[in-house]
């Protein structure tokens, strides 16, 4: 297909003038004269046979024809800029979009991302968080790291590691917890998984009380409430090791309960790109250092 010659200078001049509604400010952005911008816009108007601006005593008013053209040009220039950025430093960069459970992203992935970036500088990572409810296709994700049993429809899932749950609380509350029975009298912070606290009490050999504490959609939010002394959380110590090491949190009992593991997931229909392969191999390697899959 032979494409007609595109007057890129004229199109760029129009796009800048339309954003600023001023030839003068567009000229400053493009590092040319005001007359040059006006001339390029006039050439474009003559080329396509429509008026793009109404010239006013103080500035410009864009016409309906100009409004119809503007968003298409802006998207095109943004996409071209994105392609150019991928070649920054003389090496093509590949975008990789990853969604992750917030607890995993903050507690495990972020402290290790520098290692990934150093090993794979060609990967342009885009990271987002979720509360384990994610639609990989709708969100355009290459990978999603989620917690569960690995059984998701049309999803390829690779196990990473388990993160058993245990009681976490601030030191002054921990000082009042001599035995697991003492936990019964505390405010129990919980997730939407209703079997976690009963499971922990069972492992501790204690009859579980009615669980009526506040419900949080992420362990990060729940542990933040615990850090503020609002109650005791049942959360994975592995993901909050920094807070424990700093003395802000304590794990008063060794008793744990496991309700699943983290998984690296992708659509089975998604072809694996070099960036995806690099991330997969790196993640599995670092996960093997954390614990058994």
Protein backbone atom coordinates (compact mmCIF):
# COMPACT_ATOMS: atom_id res chain seq x y z
CA UNK A 1 0.00 0.00 0.00
CA UNK A 2 1.41 3.37 -1.09
CA UNK A 3 0.63 6.05 1.48
CA UNK A 4 0.43 9.72 0.48
CA UNK A 5 3.19 12.02 1.71
CA UNK A 6 2.25 13.34 5.13
CA UNK A 7 3.16 16.96 5.95
CA UNK A 8 4.51 16.11 9.40
CA UNK A 9 5.83 19.60 10.17
CA UNK A 10 2.46 21.11 9.35
CA UNK A 11 0.60 18.50 11.37
CA UNK A 12 2.90 19.06 14.37
CA UNK A 13 2.41 22.81 14.11
CA UNK A 14 -1.35 22.42 14.02
CA UNK A 15 -1.38 20.01 17.01
CA UNK A 16 0.73 22.35 19.14
CA UNK A 17 -1.30 25.42 18.15
CA UNK A 18 -4.55 23.58 18.91
CA UNK A 19 -3.36 22.64 22.40
CA UNK A 20 -2.25 26.17 23.21
CA UNK A 21 -4.82 28.02 21.05
CA UNK A 22 -1.92 30.28 20.23
CA UNK A 23 0.62 30.38 17.42
CA UNK A 24 3.05 32.20 19.71
CA UNK A 25 3.04 29.58 22.49
CA UNK A 26 3.18 26.79 19.90
CA UNK A 27 6.23 28.45 18.36
CA UNK A 28 7.97 28.57 21.76
CA UNK A 29 7.31 24.84 22.29
CA UNK A 30 8.55 23.91 18.82
CA UNK A 31 11.54 26.30 18.92
CA UNK A 32 10.53 28.12 15.73
CA UNK A 33 9.07 31.51 14.95
CA UNK A 34 5.41 32.43 15.26
CA UNK A 35 5.37 33.14 11.54
CA UNK A 36 6.68 29.64 10.80
CA UNK A 37 3.88 28.00 12.79
CA UNK A 38 1.25 30.18 11.11
CA UNK A 39 2.73 29.36 7.70
CA UNK A 40 2.71 25.60 8.37
CA UNK A 41 -0.91 25.67 9.54
CA UNK A 42 -1.89 27.63 6.42
CA UNK A 43 -0.12 25.05 4.24
CA UNK A 44 -2.08 22.30 5.98
CA UNK A 45 -5.38 24.13 5.53
CA UNK A 46 -4.64 24.57 1.83
CA UNK A 47 -3.63 20.91 1.54
CA UNK A 48 -6.87 19.50 2.99
CA UNK A 49 -9.17 22.32 1.86
CA UNK A 50 -10.70 23.24 5.23
CA UNK A 51 -10.23 25.98 7.81
CA UNK A 52 -8.76 24.68 11.06
CA UNK A 53 -8.69 27.90 13.10
CA UNK A 54 -10.61 31.13 13.34
CA UNK A 55 -8.05 33.88 13.88
CA UNK A 56 -9.18 36.15 16.71
CA UNK A 57 -7.67 39.41 17.99
CA UNK A 58 -6.38 37.54 21.03
CA UNK A 59 -5.62 33.94 20.19
CA UNK A 60 -7.30 31.26 18.12
CA UNK A 61 -10.59 29.39 18.04
CA UNK A 62 -10.44 25.86 16.68
CA UNK A 63 -13.11 24.90 14.13
CA UNK A 64 -15.21 21.72 14.11
CA UNK A 65 -12.91 20.33 11.42
CA UNK A 66 -9.91 21.03 13.63
CA UNK A 67 -11.59 19.39 16.61
CA UNK A 68 -12.23 16.28 14.54
CA UNK A 69 -8.56 16.06 13.53
CA UNK A 70 -6.94 16.92 16.87
CA UNK A 71 -7.48 13.73 18.95
CA UNK A 72 -6.29 11.51 16.12
CA UNK A 73 -3.10 13.51 15.76
CA UNK A 74 -2.48 13.60 19.51
CA UNK A 75 -2.83 9.83 19.77
CA UNK A 76 -0.54 9.33 16.79
CA UNK A 77 2.18 11.62 18.13
CA UNK A 78 1.94 9.98 21.57
CA UNK A 79 2.36 6.55 20.00
CA UNK A 80 5.34 7.71 17.97
CA UNK A 81 6.92 9.18 21.09
CA UNK A 82 6.34 5.88 22.88
CA UNK A 83 8.10 3.95 20.12
CA UNK A 84 11.06 6.35 20.21
CA UNK A 85 11.35 5.94 23.99
CA UNK A 86 11.65 2.19 23.53
CA UNK A 87 14.97 2.75 21.71
CA UNK A 88 16.44 4.94 24.44
CA UNK A 89 20.10 4.13 25.08
CA UNK A 90 20.55 2.41 21.74
CA UNK A 91 18.63 -0.73 22.74
CA UNK A 92 15.02 -1.58 21.99
CA UNK A 93 12.93 -1.78 25.14
CA UNK A 94 9.95 -4.13 25.40
CA UNK A 95 6.92 -3.22 27.49
CA UNK A 96 5.85 -5.79 30.08
CA UNK A 97 2.59 -5.27 32.00
CA UNK A 98 2.26 -7.12 35.29
CA UNK A 99 -0.56 -7.03 37.81
CA UNK A 100 0.06 -8.27 41.34
CA UNK A 101 -1.72 -8.66 44.63
CA UNK A 102 -0.82 -5.55 46.64
CA UNK A 103 0.65 -7.54 49.53
CA UNK A 104 2.99 -9.42 47.19
CA UNK A 105 3.95 -6.30 45.23
CA UNK A 106 4.88 -4.26 48.30
CA UNK A 107 6.15 -6.97 50.62
CA UNK A 108 8.14 -9.14 48.20
CA UNK A 109 8.44 -7.81 44.66
CA UNK A 110 9.43 -4.17 45.16
CA UNK A 111 12.51 -4.96 47.31
CA UNK A 112 13.79 -7.19 44.48
CA UNK A 113 12.91 -5.09 41.42
CA UNK A 114 16.32 -3.42 41.26
CA UNK A 115 17.85 -6.85 40.65
CA UNK A 116 15.42 -7.51 37.80
CA UNK A 117 16.08 -4.12 36.20
CA UNK A 118 19.83 -4.61 36.34
CA UNK A 119 19.61 -8.05 34.77
CA UNK A 120 17.07 -7.14 32.07
CA UNK A 121 17.41 -3.46 31.13
CA UNK A 122 15.50 -4.03 27.88
CA UNK A 123 12.24 -4.65 29.79
CA UNK A 124 10.02 -1.63 30.37
CA UNK A 125 8.00 -2.90 33.34
CA UNK A 126 4.49 -1.56 34.01
CA UNK A 127 3.27 -2.74 37.44
CA UNK A 128 -0.24 -2.42 38.84
CA UNK A 129 -1.84 -3.82 42.00
CA UNK A 130 -5.15 -5.50 42.75
CA UNK A 131 -6.87 -7.30 45.60
CA UNK A 132 -6.70 -10.72 43.88
CA UNK A 133 -9.75 -10.07 41.71
CA UNK A 134 -8.37 -9.42 38.25
CA UNK A 135 -9.39 -9.86 34.61
CA UNK A 136 -6.11 -10.39 32.74
CA UNK A 137 -7.66 -9.95 29.29
CA UNK A 138 -9.72 -6.86 30.12
CA UNK A 139 -6.80 -5.14 31.85
CA UNK A 140 -4.33 -6.01 29.09
CA UNK A 141 -1.89 -7.76 31.41
CA UNK A 142 0.93 -10.01 30.28
CA UNK A 143 1.10 -11.60 33.72
CA UNK A 144 -0.86 -11.49 36.94
CA UNK A 145 0.56 -12.61 40.28
CA UNK A 146 -2.29 -13.80 42.47
CA UNK A 147 -3.02 -15.82 45.57
CA UNK A 148 -5.10 -18.99 45.63
CA UNK A 149 -5.11 -22.65 44.65
CA UNK A 150 -4.01 -22.22 41.02
CA UNK A 151 -7.36 -23.23 39.51
CA UNK A 152 -8.45 -20.44 37.17
CA UNK A 153 -10.31 -21.05 33.90
CA UNK A 154 -8.20 -20.71 30.73
CA UNK A 155 -5.23 -19.60 32.85
CA UNK A 156 -1.70 -21.00 32.84
CA UNK A 157 -0.49 -20.87 36.47
CA UNK A 158 3.01 -21.54 37.84
CA UNK A 159 3.42 -21.90 41.63
CA UNK A 160 5.75 -19.50 43.42
CA UNK A 161 5.62 -20.13 47.17
CA UNK A 162 3.34 -20.40 50.17
CA UNK A 163 3.08 -17.63 52.74
CA UNK A 164 1.59 -19.07 55.95
CA UNK A 165 -0.43 -16.70 58.11
CA UNK A 166 0.31 -15.86 61.72
CA UNK A 167 -0.71 -13.32 64.34
CA UNK A 168 0.94 -9.92 63.86
CA UNK A 169 0.50 -6.96 66.17
CA UNK A 170 2.28 -3.99 67.72
CA UNK A 171 4.71 -4.69 70.59
CA UNK A 172 2.50 -3.32 73.35
CA UNK A 173 -0.31 -5.68 72.36
CA UNK A 174 2.14 -8.59 71.96
CA UNK A 175 3.31 -8.05 75.55
CA UNK A 176 -0.22 -8.95 76.71
CA UNK A 177 -0.33 -12.19 74.71
CA UNK A 178 1.21 -14.98 76.76
CA UNK A 179 -0.70 -17.87 75.20
CA UNK A 180 -2.88 -18.29 72.08
CA UNK A 181 -5.94 -18.18 74.39
CA UNK A 182 -5.16 -14.49 75.00
CA UNK A 183 -5.78 -13.73 71.32
CA UNK A 184 -9.46 -14.56 71.84
CA UNK A 185 -9.91 -11.33 73.82
CA UNK A 186 -8.35 -9.07 71.16
CA UNK A 187 -10.01 -7.31 68.23
CA UNK A 188 -9.42 -9.72 65.33
CA UNK A 189 -8.69 -8.01 62.03
CA UNK A 190 -9.58 -10.25 59.11
CA UNK A 191 -9.65 -10.64 55.35
CA UNK A 192 -12.60 -11.67 53.21
CA UNK A 193 -11.49 -15.32 53.57
CA UNK A 194 -13.72 -16.44 56.42
CA UNK A 195 -11.79 -19.64 57.23
CA UNK A 196 -8.46 -18.03 58.16
CA UNK A 197 -8.98 -17.18 61.84
CA UNK A 198 -10.86 -20.44 62.60
CA UNK A 199 -8.00 -22.31 60.92
CA UNK A 200 -5.38 -20.53 63.01
CA UNK A 201 -7.21 -21.18 66.28
CA UNK A 202 -7.54 -24.83 65.30
CA UNK A 203 -3.78 -25.06 64.70
CA UNK A 204 -3.21 -23.38 68.06
CA UNK A 205 -5.52 -25.83 69.83
CA UNK A 206 -7.92 -23.11 70.96
CA UNK A 207 -11.67 -22.92 70.47
CA UNK A 208 -12.33 -20.15 67.97
CA UNK A 209 -14.51 -17.28 69.23
CA UNK A 210 -17.14 -15.61 67.03
CA UNK A 211 -15.13 -13.63 64.46
CA UNK A 212 -16.66 -10.17 64.26
CA UNK A 213 -13.66 -7.95 63.57
CA UNK A 214 -13.39 -5.50 60.66
CA UNK A 215 -12.91 -6.99 57.18
CA UNK A 216 -10.15 -5.67 54.89
CA UNK A 217 -9.69 -6.38 51.19
CA UNK A 218 -5.89 -6.55 51.44
CA UNK A 219 -3.31 -7.67 53.98
CA UNK A 220 -1.47 -4.38 53.49
CA UNK A 221 -4.48 -2.42 54.71
CA UNK A 222 -5.16 -4.88 57.52
CA UNK A 223 -1.59 -4.78 58.82
CA UNK A 224 -1.60 -0.98 58.63
CA UNK A 225 -4.59 -1.07 60.98
CA UNK A 226 -2.62 -3.41 63.25
CA UNK A 227 0.36 -1.04 63.16
CA UNK A 228 -1.93 1.69 64.45
CA UNK A 229 -2.92 -0.52 67.38
CA UNK A 230 -6.44 -1.19 66.15
CA UNK A 231 -6.21 -4.95 66.74
CA UNK A 232 -4.30 -8.09 65.81
CA UNK A 233 -3.92 -9.14 62.19
CA UNK A 234 -3.66 -12.61 60.71
CA UNK A 235 -1.20 -12.03 57.89
CA UNK A 236 1.94 -13.57 56.30
CA UNK A 237 5.05 -12.58 58.32
CA UNK A 238 7.18 -13.08 55.19
CA UNK A 239 5.48 -10.13 53.50
CA UNK A 240 6.00 -7.86 56.50
CA UNK A 241 9.52 -8.91 57.45
CA UNK A 242 10.84 -5.35 57.25
CA UNK A 243 8.28 -4.07 59.77
CA UNK A 244 9.07 -7.02 62.04
CA UNK A 245 12.82 -6.48 61.73
CA UNK A 246 12.37 -2.79 62.54
CA UNK A 247 10.44 -3.67 65.70
CA UNK A 248 7.19 -2.06 64.57
CA UNK A 249 5.43 -5.44 64.44
CA UNK A 250 5.80 -8.64 66.39
CA UNK A 251 4.83 -12.23 65.72
CA UNK A 252 4.04 -13.43 69.24
CA UNK A 253 3.41 -17.10 68.32
CA UNK A 254 5.03 -19.54 65.91
CA UNK A 255 1.63 -21.06 65.06
CA UNK A 256 0.74 -20.60 61.39
CA UNK A 257 -2.00 -21.62 59.01
CA UNK A 258 -1.72 -21.89 55.22
CA UNK A 259 -4.59 -21.13 52.87
CA UNK A 260 -2.89 -21.15 49.47
CA UNK A 261 0.13 -19.83 47.66
CA UNK A 262 1.17 -17.19 45.16
CA UNK A 263 1.06 -18.01 41.45
CA UNK A 264 2.39 -16.44 38.28
CA UNK A 265 -0.53 -16.53 35.84
CA UNK A 266 -1.18 -15.65 32.22
CA UNK A 267 -3.82 -16.37 29.62
CA UNK A 268 -3.19 -19.69 27.91
CA UNK A 269 -3.83 -17.95 24.59
CA UNK A 270 -1.09 -15.36 25.27
CA UNK A 271 2.15 -15.98 23.36
CA UNK A 272 5.22 -15.58 25.54
CA UNK A 273 7.41 -12.63 24.50
CA UNK A 274 11.13 -12.25 25.32
CA UNK A 275 10.23 -9.80 28.11
CA UNK A 276 7.69 -12.23 29.54
CA UNK A 277 10.20 -15.08 29.43
CA UNK A 278 12.85 -12.96 31.16
CA UNK A 279 10.45 -12.00 33.94
CA UNK A 280 9.17 -15.56 34.35
CA UNK A 281 12.64 -17.08 34.70
CA UNK A 282 13.81 -14.33 37.04
CA UNK A 283 10.70 -14.59 39.22
CA UNK A 284 10.90 -18.38 39.52
CA UNK A 285 14.58 -18.15 40.42
CA UNK A 286 14.02 -15.58 43.15
CA UNK A 287 10.93 -17.43 44.39
CA UNK A 288 12.99 -20.62 44.81
CA UNK A 289 15.22 -18.68 47.20
CA UNK A 290 12.17 -17.71 49.26
CA UNK A 291 10.61 -21.10 49.90
CA UNK A 292 9.32 -24.31 48.31
CA UNK A 293 6.86 -24.01 45.46
